[in-house]
Amino acid sequence: MTVKLILLKSGEDVIADVEEMLVSERVVGYFLGDPCVVKVLANNNGTGGKTPCKLQLTPWMPLTNDKKIPIAAEWLITMVEPIPQLKEMYENGVLKNEQESDQDSSDGEQSDTDQRD
């Protein structure tokens, strides 16, 4: 798993589990696993000095069932390591829930040999 923070040409900050898309050993794009838009929200708590901020994660393409979304390399401006707090938020919130969801769906399935009439 390679969790990265990506800045897209659209101006969106996206955090995702990133895999390279290779064609003839050349990177032509990336597969974004469970991508989320990162929004930085001001925390207006009335304190002086530096204003702490809050981070919000929302699904990047919520109207698809695809687990990995391909994106052309030309759409990336830069890809960096996220700060530890953001990475932890993503791994514990998004990826952990995804793994639990996958586990729950596989637990409920029975093979034909397990089913009895």
Protein backbone atom coordinates (compact mmCIF):
# COMPACT_ATOMS: atom_id res chain seq x y z
CA MET A 1 0.00 0.00 0.00
CA THR A 2 1.30 3.41 -1.00
CA VAL A 3 -0.81 6.23 0.43
CA LYS A 4 -0.03 9.53 -1.30
CA LEU A 5 -1.46 13.04 -1.41
CA ILE A 6 -1.98 14.22 -4.97
CA LEU A 7 -2.62 17.69 -6.37
CA LEU A 8 -4.65 17.47 -9.58
CA LYS A 9 -4.89 20.01 -12.41
CA SER A 10 -8.45 20.64 -11.24
CA GLY A 11 -7.02 22.04 -8.00
CA GLU A 12 -8.29 19.14 -5.88
CA ASP A 13 -6.14 17.58 -3.18
CA VAL A 14 -6.77 13.82 -3.27
CA ILE A 15 -5.46 11.16 -0.92
CA ALA A 16 -5.44 7.59 -2.19
CA ASP A 17 -3.69 4.25 -2.27
CA VAL A 18 -1.68 4.82 -5.47
CA GLU A 19 -0.42 2.28 -8.02
CA GLU A 20 1.45 3.10 -11.20
CA MET A 21 -0.19 2.31 -14.55
CA LEU A 22 2.59 1.01 -16.79
CA VAL A 23 2.71 0.53 -20.55
CA SER A 24 5.99 -0.83 -21.91
CA GLU A 25 7.70 0.02 -18.61
CA ARG A 26 6.58 3.67 -18.90
CA VAL A 27 4.25 5.33 -16.38
CA VAL A 28 1.21 6.57 -18.31
CA GLY A 29 -1.09 7.05 -15.36
CA TYR A 30 -2.08 5.87 -11.93
CA PHE A 31 -4.74 3.75 -10.26
CA LEU A 32 -6.23 5.52 -7.25
CA GLY A 33 -7.60 3.12 -4.65
CA ASP A 34 -10.35 4.55 -2.43
CA PRO A 35 -9.57 8.16 -3.37
CA CYS A 36 -10.84 10.97 -1.16
CA VAL A 37 -10.83 14.74 -1.60
CA VAL A 38 -9.06 16.47 1.28
CA LYS A 39 -10.62 19.73 2.42
CA VAL A 40 -8.93 22.03 4.90
CA LEU A 41 -11.53 23.78 7.02
CA ALA A 42 -10.74 26.75 9.25
CA ASN A 43 -11.43 26.14 12.91
CA ASN A 44 -12.96 29.44 14.01
CA ASN A 45 -12.57 29.02 17.72
CA GLY A 46 -11.86 32.70 18.47
CA THR A 47 -8.26 32.20 19.54
CA GLY A 48 -5.53 34.57 18.47
CA GLY A 49 -2.38 33.64 16.62
CA LYS A 50 -2.28 30.64 14.33
CA THR A 51 -5.70 29.25 13.59
CA PRO A 52 -5.79 25.47 13.85
CA CYS A 53 -7.59 23.77 11.00
CA LYS A 54 -9.76 20.71 10.57
CA LEU A 55 -9.41 18.16 7.80
CA GLN A 56 -12.38 16.63 6.01
CA LEU A 57 -12.29 13.61 3.70
CA THR A 58 -15.02 13.00 1.15
CA PRO A 59 -15.12 10.36 -1.59
CA TRP A 60 -13.57 11.69 -4.80
CA MET A 61 -15.96 9.89 -7.18
CA PRO A 62 -18.87 8.77 -5.00
CA LEU A 63 -21.10 7.59 -7.86
CA THR A 64 -18.99 4.61 -8.89
CA ASN A 65 -18.58 1.11 -7.49
CA ASP A 66 -15.04 0.88 -8.88
CA LYS A 67 -12.45 0.25 -6.19
CA LYS A 68 -9.56 1.60 -8.28
CA ILE A 69 -10.02 4.64 -10.48
CA PRO A 70 -7.56 5.21 -13.34
CA ILE A 71 -6.21 8.71 -13.96
CA ALA A 72 -3.88 9.91 -16.71
CA ALA A 73 -0.42 11.04 -15.59
CA GLU A 74 -0.99 14.42 -17.28
CA TRP A 75 -3.68 15.26 -14.70
CA LEU A 76 -1.25 15.14 -11.80
CA ILE A 77 0.63 18.26 -10.83
CA THR A 78 2.47 16.65 -7.94
CA MET A 79 2.39 13.65 -5.62
CA VAL A 80 3.74 13.86 -2.06
CA GLU A 81 3.80 12.04 1.26
CA PRO A 82 0.83 13.20 3.41
CA ILE A 83 1.40 14.52 6.92
CA PRO A 84 1.11 11.76 9.56
CA GLN A 85 -2.25 13.02 10.90
CA LEU A 86 -3.84 12.95 7.43
CA LYS A 87 -2.39 9.54 6.57
CA GLU A 88 -3.65 8.10 9.87
CA MET A 89 -7.09 9.66 9.34
CA TYR A 90 -7.28 8.09 5.86
CA GLU A 91 -5.99 4.65 6.89
CA ASN A 92 -8.14 4.39 10.02
CA GLY A 93 -11.27 5.94 8.55
CA VAL A 94 -11.41 5.03 4.88
CA LEU A 95 -9.21 1.96 4.39
CA LYS A 96 -10.17 0.28 7.66
CA ASN A 97 -13.88 0.70 6.89
CA GLU A 98 -13.30 -0.65 3.37
CA GLN A 99 -11.52 -3.75 4.72
CA GLU A 100 -14.28 -4.35 7.29
CA SER A 101 -16.92 -3.96 4.58
CA ASP A 102 -15.11 -6.47 2.35
CA GLN A 103 -14.80 -8.88 5.30
CA ASP A 104 -18.51 -8.56 6.17
CA SER A 105 -19.61 -9.28 2.59
CA SER A 106 -17.37 -12.34 2.30
CA ASP A 107 -18.54 -13.70 5.69
CA GLY A 108 -22.15 -13.70 4.50
CA GLU A 109 -21.48 -15.71 1.36
CA GLN A 110 -21.74 -19.50 1.32
CA SER A 111 -20.37 -21.79 -1.29
CA ASP A 112 -22.69 -24.26 -3.03
CA THR A 113 -21.16 -27.13 -1.07
CA ASP A 114 -21.89 -25.40 2.27
CA GLN A 115 -25.58 -24.81 1.54
CA ARG A 116 -27.98 -27.53 2.66
CA ASP A 117 -31.58 -27.96 1.54
